[in-house]
Amino acid sequence: MLIDFFYTLRSARLPVSVKEFLTLLQALQAGVAGPGSDDAWSLDDFYSLSRLILVKDEKHYDRFDRAFGAYFKGVEMRADFGREIPADWLRKTLENTLTPEQKAAIEKMGWDELMETLRKRLEEQQERHAGGNKWIGTGGTSPFGHGGYNPQGIRIGGASRNRSAVKVWEKRVYRDYDDQQELGTRNIKVALRRLRRFAREGQELELDLPGTIRSTAVNAGYLDIRMLPERHNTVKLLLLMDVGGTMDEHIQRVQELFSAAKTEFKHLEFYYFHNCVYDHMWKNNRRRFAEKFPTRDIIRKYNKDYKLIFVGDATMSPYEILQPGGSVEYHNEEPGAEWLQRLTHAFPRHAWINPEPQGVWPYRQSVGIIQQLVGNRMYPLSLKGIEESMRLLSK
């Protein structure tokens, strides 16, 4: 059975060797992961063991998870039907569906009023609530909680449904974009090459065939070999990528763009941010709270020779861009708009690539605000959009 599992991992382009696969089989034979107390195999234990043995670099964790899930998708999971059905599940199935008129009637609070009201609710509320329009809970139309509807609320836990929260209180875990992603087409690489500019620098390592022919002819047939310095890509690129939240829908295409950029540009620096750029960014999503890079230091580190590309859907609450404390994750002292203006001023050659369909941009207020802040240099994540942005940056 596990032979097919091994081939599934290899087809997912994971660097799994036969020796590592044999080590996994030996571990299973030794009972490292095996039947539990009820003589049933634990898929979770096998997942942990196989990832520990077969994956040697954390950047491959995401690819391993997808391959593992694809292979074991058909495995039957046991369910205990004797347990009580969770009340939360029942409430969700009976969740009230609001009409457009009801949604329009729900009052929108301003930022200060919203935060002050939340503070009062936290002081007053003593128990859990579901439904309703006042307390922190699930369902209903209250601006605090999750699972319901409010045009400008604060989501506390739960999953995003309407993308209307102005702040989110939950533990967020993001994954790095995979720079080894194989492209389904070479067109993105070809489009990025419009930005490349070569210069001959360094030691003379390449044969100058036309020069050698001319020099040999001038010297009456005596061979005179001429050499040229090696060609180098002198373009310097600073890539800032939005990750997590609504960007999860665009992971595949952003990974393709990231892979192409890593291949085409020798001088590439990249950082991650969430929704909008604030006073710090990070390079590794697993250590993003421990390894922060101040945005001010990034601006100082790279000179104006670098071309700046933002990659993000620009889909967020306008508060996140314009308001101090607007970040959904922490209290930012300065609004994101200030940091965007500092970045675009420090790097005059800049562009924003948006993976969202261009047809929805006019209907999202935050997209319009970002467009103004980057001088209307926003392009869709398409072949045409990439070519146009590269043409702009090459000027």
Protein backbone atom coordinates (compact mmCIF):
# COMPACT_ATOMS: atom_id res chain seq x y z
CA MET A 1 0.00 0.00 0.00
CA LEU A 2 2.75 2.48 0.94
CA ILE A 3 4.53 2.07 -2.37
CA ASP A 4 1.79 4.18 -3.95
CA PHE A 5 2.14 6.66 -1.09
CA PHE A 6 5.84 6.99 -1.90
CA TYR A 7 5.10 7.62 -5.59
CA THR A 8 2.45 10.20 -4.62
CA LEU A 9 5.05 12.16 -2.67
CA ARG A 10 7.52 11.96 -5.53
CA SER A 11 4.90 13.10 -8.04
CA ALA A 12 4.32 16.11 -5.78
CA ARG A 13 8.03 16.92 -6.35
CA LEU A 14 9.03 16.25 -2.77
CA PRO A 15 12.71 15.27 -2.43
CA VAL A 16 11.98 11.89 -0.81
CA SER A 17 14.65 9.24 -1.26
CA VAL A 18 14.26 5.45 -1.25
CA LYS A 19 16.46 5.27 1.84
CA GLU A 20 14.13 7.59 3.75
CA PHE A 21 11.12 5.55 2.63
CA LEU A 22 12.77 2.34 3.89
CA THR A 23 13.46 4.08 7.21
CA LEU A 24 9.73 4.82 7.47
CA LEU A 25 8.88 1.17 6.86
CA GLN A 26 11.39 0.08 9.51
CA ALA A 27 9.81 2.51 11.99
CA LEU A 28 6.37 1.06 11.27
CA GLN A 29 7.69 -2.47 11.64
CA ALA A 30 9.20 -1.50 14.99
CA GLY A 31 5.81 -0.25 16.16
CA VAL A 32 6.71 3.44 16.42
CA ALA A 33 3.27 4.25 15.00
CA GLY A 34 0.73 1.50 15.06
CA PRO A 35 -2.60 0.23 16.48
CA GLY A 36 -4.08 2.11 19.38
CA SER A 37 -5.88 0.74 22.37
CA ASP A 38 -8.84 -0.28 20.23
CA ASP A 39 -6.66 -1.98 17.57
CA ALA A 40 -7.25 0.86 15.11
CA TRP A 41 -4.48 2.66 13.29
CA SER A 42 -4.00 6.32 14.11
CA LEU A 43 -3.70 8.34 10.91
CA ASP A 44 -2.49 11.33 12.93
CA ASP A 45 0.41 9.32 14.36
CA PHE A 46 1.37 8.05 10.91
CA TYR A 47 1.22 11.60 9.53
CA SER A 48 3.56 12.90 12.23
CA LEU A 49 5.96 9.98 11.83
CA SER A 50 6.08 10.12 8.02
CA ARG A 51 6.58 13.88 7.95
CA LEU A 52 9.36 13.62 10.53
CA ILE A 53 11.24 10.99 8.49
CA LEU A 54 10.50 12.06 4.91
CA VAL A 55 10.55 15.87 5.06
CA LYS A 56 13.89 17.49 5.82
CA ASP A 57 13.01 21.13 5.16
CA GLU A 58 10.07 23.01 6.68
CA LYS A 59 9.42 24.83 3.39
CA HIS A 60 8.11 21.48 2.05
CA TYR A 61 5.54 21.02 4.86
CA ASP A 62 2.71 22.55 2.85
CA ARG A 63 3.45 20.43 -0.21
CA PHE A 64 3.65 17.30 1.98
CA ASP A 65 0.28 18.12 3.60
CA ARG A 66 -1.39 18.43 0.19
CA ALA A 67 0.12 15.17 -1.06
CA PHE A 68 -0.75 13.34 2.18
CA GLY A 69 -4.33 14.62 2.05
CA ALA A 70 -4.70 13.66 -1.62
CA TYR A 71 -3.50 10.09 -0.99
CA PHE A 72 -5.51 9.39 2.16
CA LYS A 73 -8.62 11.25 1.01
CA GLY A 74 -10.54 8.00 0.67
CA VAL A 75 -9.65 6.59 4.10
CA GLU A 76 -12.79 6.02 6.13
CA MET A 77 -12.87 7.89 9.42
CA ARG A 78 -14.60 6.34 12.40
CA ALA A 79 -17.34 8.36 14.10
CA ASP A 80 -18.86 7.83 17.53
CA PHE A 81 -22.60 8.15 16.88
CA GLY A 82 -23.31 7.68 20.55
CA ARG A 83 -22.06 11.17 21.34
CA GLU A 84 -24.39 14.14 21.65
CA ILE A 85 -24.64 16.37 18.57
CA PRO A 86 -22.88 19.69 19.35
CA ALA A 87 -25.28 22.56 20.01
CA ASP A 88 -23.11 24.90 17.95
CA TRP A 89 -23.64 22.73 14.89
CA LEU A 90 -27.40 22.78 15.39
CA ARG A 91 -27.42 26.54 15.75
CA LYS A 92 -25.51 26.96 12.51
CA THR A 93 -27.97 24.82 10.60
CA LEU A 94 -30.83 26.97 11.93
CA GLU A 95 -28.98 30.26 11.37
CA ASN A 96 -31.21 33.11 10.36
CA THR A 97 -30.81 34.24 6.73
CA LEU A 98 -31.29 37.98 6.55
CA THR A 99 -33.02 39.71 3.68
CA PRO A 100 -31.25 42.61 1.89
CA GLU A 101 -33.65 45.02 3.61
CA GLN A 102 -32.72 43.62 7.04
CA LYS A 103 -29.01 43.89 6.28
CA ALA A 104 -29.38 47.49 5.14
CA ALA A 105 -31.21 48.36 8.35
CA ILE A 106 -28.33 47.24 10.58
CA GLU A 107 -26.59 50.30 11.97
CA LYS A 108 -22.92 50.90 11.10
CA MET A 109 -20.92 52.18 14.04
CA GLY A 110 -17.94 54.47 13.64
CA TRP A 111 -14.49 53.23 14.63
CA ASP A 112 -14.33 54.95 18.04
CA GLU A 113 -17.89 54.00 18.94
CA LEU A 114 -17.29 50.39 17.90
CA MET A 115 -14.20 50.01 20.11
CA GLU A 116 -15.84 51.75 23.07
CA THR A 117 -18.93 49.55 22.77
CA LEU A 118 -16.78 46.41 22.69
CA ARG A 119 -15.00 47.53 25.87
CA LYS A 120 -18.37 47.95 27.62
CA ARG A 121 -19.63 44.56 26.41
CA LEU A 122 -16.51 42.85 27.80
CA GLU A 123 -17.15 44.45 31.19
CA GLU A 124 -20.87 43.65 31.28
CA GLN A 125 -21.19 40.22 29.66
CA GLN A 126 -21.17 37.28 32.08
CA GLU A 127 -22.20 34.31 29.93
CA ARG A 128 -22.22 32.93 26.43
CA HIS A 129 -24.75 34.22 23.88
CA ALA A 130 -26.01 33.00 20.51
CA GLY A 131 -28.07 35.11 18.14
CA GLY A 132 -29.34 38.56 19.00
CA ASN A 133 -27.92 41.96 18.17
CA LYS A 134 -26.08 43.12 21.29
CA TRP A 135 -23.79 40.68 23.10
CA ILE A 136 -20.56 38.97 22.02
CA GLY A 137 -21.57 35.60 20.60
CA THR A 138 -22.37 33.53 17.54
CA GLY A 139 -24.96 34.14 14.85
CA GLY A 140 -27.35 37.07 14.92
CA THR A 141 -26.51 40.65 13.93
CA SER A 142 -24.31 41.76 16.84
CA PRO A 143 -21.13 43.55 15.73
CA PHE A 144 -19.10 41.32 18.10
CA GLY A 145 -18.50 37.58 17.66
CA HIS A 146 -18.76 35.39 14.59
CA GLY A 147 -21.14 33.36 12.46
CA GLY A 148 -23.69 36.12 11.94
CA TYR A 149 -23.94 39.28 9.87
CA ASN A 150 -22.84 42.85 10.53
CA PRO A 151 -21.40 45.22 7.90
CA GLN A 152 -18.63 46.56 10.17
CA GLY A 153 -18.15 44.30 13.15
CA ILE A 154 -15.26 42.76 15.08
CA ARG A 155 -14.89 39.03 14.42
CA ILE A 156 -13.87 37.16 17.57
CA GLY A 157 -12.87 33.60 16.63
CA GLY A 158 -14.68 31.59 13.96
CA ALA A 159 -14.19 31.69 10.21
CA SER A 160 -14.69 34.63 7.89
CA ARG A 161 -18.01 34.67 6.02
CA ASN A 162 -18.80 38.14 4.68
CA ARG A 163 -15.29 39.72 4.81
CA SER A 164 -16.76 42.75 6.57
CA ALA A 165 -14.87 42.62 9.91
CA VAL A 166 -12.80 45.70 10.71
CA LYS A 167 -10.76 43.79 13.31
CA VAL A 168 -10.17 40.09 14.00
CA TRP A 169 -9.24 38.59 17.35
CA GLU A 170 -7.92 35.08 16.88
CA LYS A 171 -4.66 33.20 16.60
CA ARG A 172 -3.50 33.34 12.99
CA VAL A 173 -1.00 30.95 11.45
CA TYR A 174 0.29 31.61 7.94
CA ARG A 175 2.55 29.58 5.64
CA ASP A 176 5.40 30.82 3.50
CA TYR A 177 4.84 30.89 -0.23
CA ASP A 178 6.69 28.00 -1.87
CA ASP A 179 9.47 29.33 -4.11
CA GLN A 180 9.94 25.86 -5.66
CA GLN A 181 6.46 25.77 -7.19
CA GLU A 182 6.54 24.49 -10.75
CA LEU A 183 4.72 26.76 -13.17
CA GLY A 184 1.98 25.41 -15.35
CA THR A 185 3.18 27.81 -18.04
CA ARG A 186 6.39 29.65 -18.83
CA ASN A 187 4.50 32.81 -19.75
CA ILE A 188 4.98 34.43 -16.35
CA LYS A 189 8.74 33.97 -16.60
CA VAL A 190 8.74 35.43 -20.09
CA ALA A 191 6.73 38.44 -18.87
CA LEU A 192 9.11 39.04 -15.97
CA ARG A 193 12.10 39.05 -18.32
CA ARG A 194 10.94 42.40 -19.67
CA LEU A 195 12.38 43.88 -16.49
CA ARG A 196 15.79 42.26 -16.84
CA ARG A 197 18.73 44.44 -17.78
CA PHE A 198 22.11 42.82 -18.35
CA ALA A 199 25.54 44.39 -17.94
CA ARG A 200 28.98 42.89 -18.46
CA GLU A 201 30.95 43.00 -15.24
CA GLY A 202 33.64 40.98 -13.50
CA GLN A 203 36.20 38.53 -14.90
CA GLU A 204 36.48 37.74 -18.61
CA LEU A 205 34.82 34.33 -18.75
CA GLU A 206 32.89 34.27 -22.07
CA LEU A 207 34.24 33.97 -25.60
CA ASP A 208 33.69 37.06 -27.74
CA LEU A 209 33.23 35.24 -31.05
CA PRO A 210 32.58 38.32 -33.29
CA GLY A 211 35.50 40.13 -31.70
CA THR A 212 37.76 37.13 -32.15
CA ILE A 213 36.87 36.87 -35.86
CA ARG A 214 37.51 40.57 -36.45
CA SER A 215 40.79 40.55 -34.56
CA THR A 216 42.00 37.41 -36.36
CA ALA A 217 41.17 38.94 -39.76
CA VAL A 218 43.03 42.14 -38.90
CA ASN A 219 46.07 40.08 -37.89
CA ALA A 220 46.20 38.32 -41.28
CA GLY A 221 44.82 35.04 -40.07
CA TYR A 222 46.75 34.71 -36.82
CA LEU A 223 44.29 33.52 -34.17
CA ASP A 224 43.59 36.25 -31.64
CA ILE A 225 41.06 35.06 -29.04
CA ARG A 226 39.03 37.79 -27.36
CA MET A 227 37.05 37.28 -24.15
CA LEU A 228 34.16 39.16 -22.54
CA PRO A 229 33.08 39.51 -18.90
CA GLU A 230 30.19 37.27 -17.89
CA ARG A 231 26.68 38.67 -18.29
CA HIS A 232 24.86 39.42 -15.04
CA ASN A 233 21.28 40.41 -14.34
CA THR A 234 21.68 43.77 -12.61
CA VAL A 235 18.00 44.32 -11.77
CA LYS A 236 17.34 44.58 -8.03
CA LEU A 237 13.83 43.67 -6.90
CA LEU A 238 12.12 44.14 -3.53
CA LEU A 239 8.99 41.95 -3.33
CA LEU A 240 6.43 42.56 -0.55
CA MET A 241 3.68 39.92 -0.39
CA ASP A 242 0.36 39.88 1.44
CA VAL A 243 -0.29 36.53 3.13
CA GLY A 244 -3.19 34.96 5.00
CA GLY A 245 -6.90 35.80 5.20
CA THR A 246 -8.45 36.54 1.81
CA MET A 247 -5.08 35.82 0.14
CA ASP A 248 -5.57 32.10 0.85
CA GLU A 249 -7.76 31.95 -2.26
CA HIS A 250 -4.82 33.06 -4.43
CA ILE A 251 -1.99 30.93 -3.00
CA GLN A 252 -1.45 28.90 -6.18
CA ARG A 253 -1.02 31.89 -8.52
CA VAL A 254 1.09 33.89 -6.06
CA GLN A 255 3.37 30.89 -5.62
CA GLU A 256 3.78 30.69 -9.38
CA LEU A 257 4.70 34.38 -9.50
CA PHE A 258 7.10 33.96 -6.56
CA SER A 259 8.78 30.94 -8.19
CA ALA A 260 9.22 32.80 -11.46
CA ALA A 261 10.69 35.84 -9.68
CA LYS A 262 13.16 33.66 -7.75
CA THR A 263 14.28 32.13 -11.05
CA GLU A 264 14.58 35.32 -13.07
CA PHE A 265 16.12 37.79 -10.61
CA LYS A 266 19.47 37.24 -8.96
CA HIS A 267 19.07 40.24 -6.68
CA LEU A 268 15.68 39.50 -5.07
CA GLU A 269 14.65 40.44 -1.54
CA PHE A 270 11.20 39.55 -0.20
CA TYR A 271 9.09 40.15 2.92
CA TYR A 272 5.57 39.27 4.06
CA PHE A 273 2.81 41.47 5.45
CA HIS A 274 -0.88 40.95 6.21
CA ASN A 275 -3.52 43.09 4.47
CA CYS A 276 -1.58 46.38 4.68
CA VAL A 277 2.02 47.30 5.38
CA TYR A 278 2.61 48.68 8.89
CA ASP A 279 5.69 49.28 11.04
CA HIS A 280 7.17 45.80 10.57
CA MET A 281 7.25 42.84 8.17
CA TRP A 282 8.67 39.32 8.30
CA LYS A 283 10.43 36.69 6.16
CA ASN A 284 9.25 33.47 7.80
CA ASN A 285 5.58 33.01 8.68
CA ARG A 286 6.31 30.36 11.30
CA ARG A 287 8.50 32.83 13.20
CA ARG A 288 6.73 36.06 12.29
CA PHE A 289 6.24 37.13 15.92
CA ALA A 290 9.82 36.36 16.92
CA GLU A 291 11.63 37.66 13.82
CA LYS A 292 10.23 41.04 12.86
CA PHE A 293 11.92 43.43 10.45
CA PRO A 294 11.07 47.09 11.06
CA THR A 295 9.74 48.69 7.89
CA ARG A 296 11.84 51.77 8.55
CA ASP A 297 15.00 49.61 8.56
CA ILE A 298 13.97 47.98 5.28
CA ILE A 299 13.58 51.41 3.69
CA ARG A 300 17.05 52.36 4.90
CA LYS A 301 18.68 49.08 3.89
CA TYR A 302 17.75 49.11 0.20
CA ASN A 303 18.51 52.10 -2.01
CA LYS A 304 16.52 53.61 -4.87
CA ASP A 305 18.08 51.14 -7.33
CA TYR A 306 15.60 48.55 -6.10
CA LYS A 307 12.28 48.22 -7.89
CA LEU A 308 9.39 47.64 -5.48
CA ILE A 309 6.49 45.26 -6.19
CA PHE A 310 3.57 44.76 -3.79
CA VAL A 311 1.52 41.57 -4.23
CA GLY A 312 -1.86 41.61 -2.50
CA ASP A 313 -5.61 41.68 -3.06
CA ALA A 314 -6.00 45.05 -1.24
CA THR A 315 -9.23 43.67 0.22
CA MET A 316 -9.75 44.87 3.79
CA SER A 317 -11.62 47.38 5.89
CA PRO A 318 -10.72 51.00 5.04
CA TYR A 319 -9.93 51.42 8.74
CA GLU A 320 -6.94 49.09 8.28
CA ILE A 321 -5.41 51.57 5.84
CA LEU A 322 -6.44 54.95 7.24
CA GLN A 323 -6.79 54.50 11.00
CA PRO A 324 -4.16 54.15 13.78
CA GLY A 325 -4.93 50.83 15.48
CA GLY A 326 -6.67 49.64 12.33
CA SER A 327 -4.64 46.45 12.00
CA VAL A 328 -6.70 43.32 12.65
CA GLU A 329 -3.82 41.78 14.62
CA TYR A 330 -2.34 44.48 16.88
CA HIS A 331 -2.48 48.19 17.67
CA ASN A 332 -0.44 50.03 15.04
CA GLU A 333 0.54 53.52 16.12
CA GLU A 334 0.58 54.89 12.57
CA PRO A 335 -1.94 54.08 9.81
CA GLY A 336 -0.92 51.82 6.95
CA ALA A 337 -1.35 54.69 4.49
CA GLU A 338 1.63 56.47 6.07
CA TRP A 339 3.88 53.44 5.59
CA LEU A 340 2.73 52.93 2.01
CA GLN A 341 3.57 56.54 1.21
CA ARG A 342 7.03 56.16 2.78
CA LEU A 343 7.72 53.05 0.72
CA THR A 344 6.55 54.52 -2.58
CA HIS A 345 8.59 57.66 -1.90
CA ALA A 346 11.72 55.62 -1.07
CA PHE A 347 11.32 53.43 -4.17
CA PRO A 348 10.04 55.59 -7.06
CA ARG A 349 9.83 52.57 -9.40
CA HIS A 350 7.01 50.63 -7.80
CA ALA A 351 3.87 48.72 -8.75
CA TRP A 352 1.07 46.75 -7.05
CA ILE A 353 -0.01 43.37 -8.50
CA ASN A 354 -3.51 42.33 -7.45
CA PRO A 355 -4.67 38.68 -7.80
CA GLU A 356 -8.35 39.66 -7.50
CA PRO A 357 -10.30 39.92 -10.80
CA GLN A 358 -10.08 43.48 -12.10
CA GLY A 359 -13.84 43.63 -12.55
CA VAL A 360 -14.46 43.66 -8.77
CA TRP A 361 -11.97 46.44 -7.96
CA PRO A 362 -14.47 49.32 -8.36
CA TYR A 363 -16.80 47.68 -5.79
CA ARG A 364 -14.21 47.53 -2.99
CA GLN A 365 -13.42 50.77 -1.23
CA SER A 366 -10.07 49.56 0.08
CA VAL A 367 -8.85 48.75 -3.45
CA GLY A 368 -9.60 52.31 -4.56
CA ILE A 369 -7.70 53.73 -1.57
CA ILE A 370 -4.64 51.55 -2.26
CA GLN A 371 -4.74 52.51 -5.95
CA GLN A 372 -4.54 56.19 -5.01
CA LEU A 373 -1.69 55.58 -2.55
CA VAL A 374 0.44 53.79 -5.17
CA GLY A 375 -0.28 56.37 -7.86
CA ASN A 376 -2.73 54.17 -9.82
CA ARG A 377 0.06 51.66 -10.45
CA MET A 378 -2.10 48.62 -9.71
CA TYR A 379 -2.16 45.74 -12.21
CA PRO A 380 -4.00 42.39 -12.23
CA LEU A 381 -2.12 39.14 -11.69
CA SER A 382 -2.44 38.10 -15.34
CA LEU A 383 -0.02 37.80 -18.23
CA LYS A 384 -1.06 41.18 -19.58
CA GLY A 385 -0.97 42.78 -16.15
CA ILE A 386 2.52 41.48 -15.41
CA GLU A 387 3.81 42.65 -18.80
CA GLU A 388 2.36 46.14 -18.25
CA SER A 389 3.84 46.41 -14.75
CA MET A 390 7.25 45.22 -15.96
CA ARG A 391 7.13 47.76 -18.79
CA LEU A 392 6.41 50.50 -16.24
CA LEU A 393 9.22 49.44 -13.91
CA SER A 394 11.76 49.20 -16.75
CA LYS A 395 11.38 52.89 -17.65
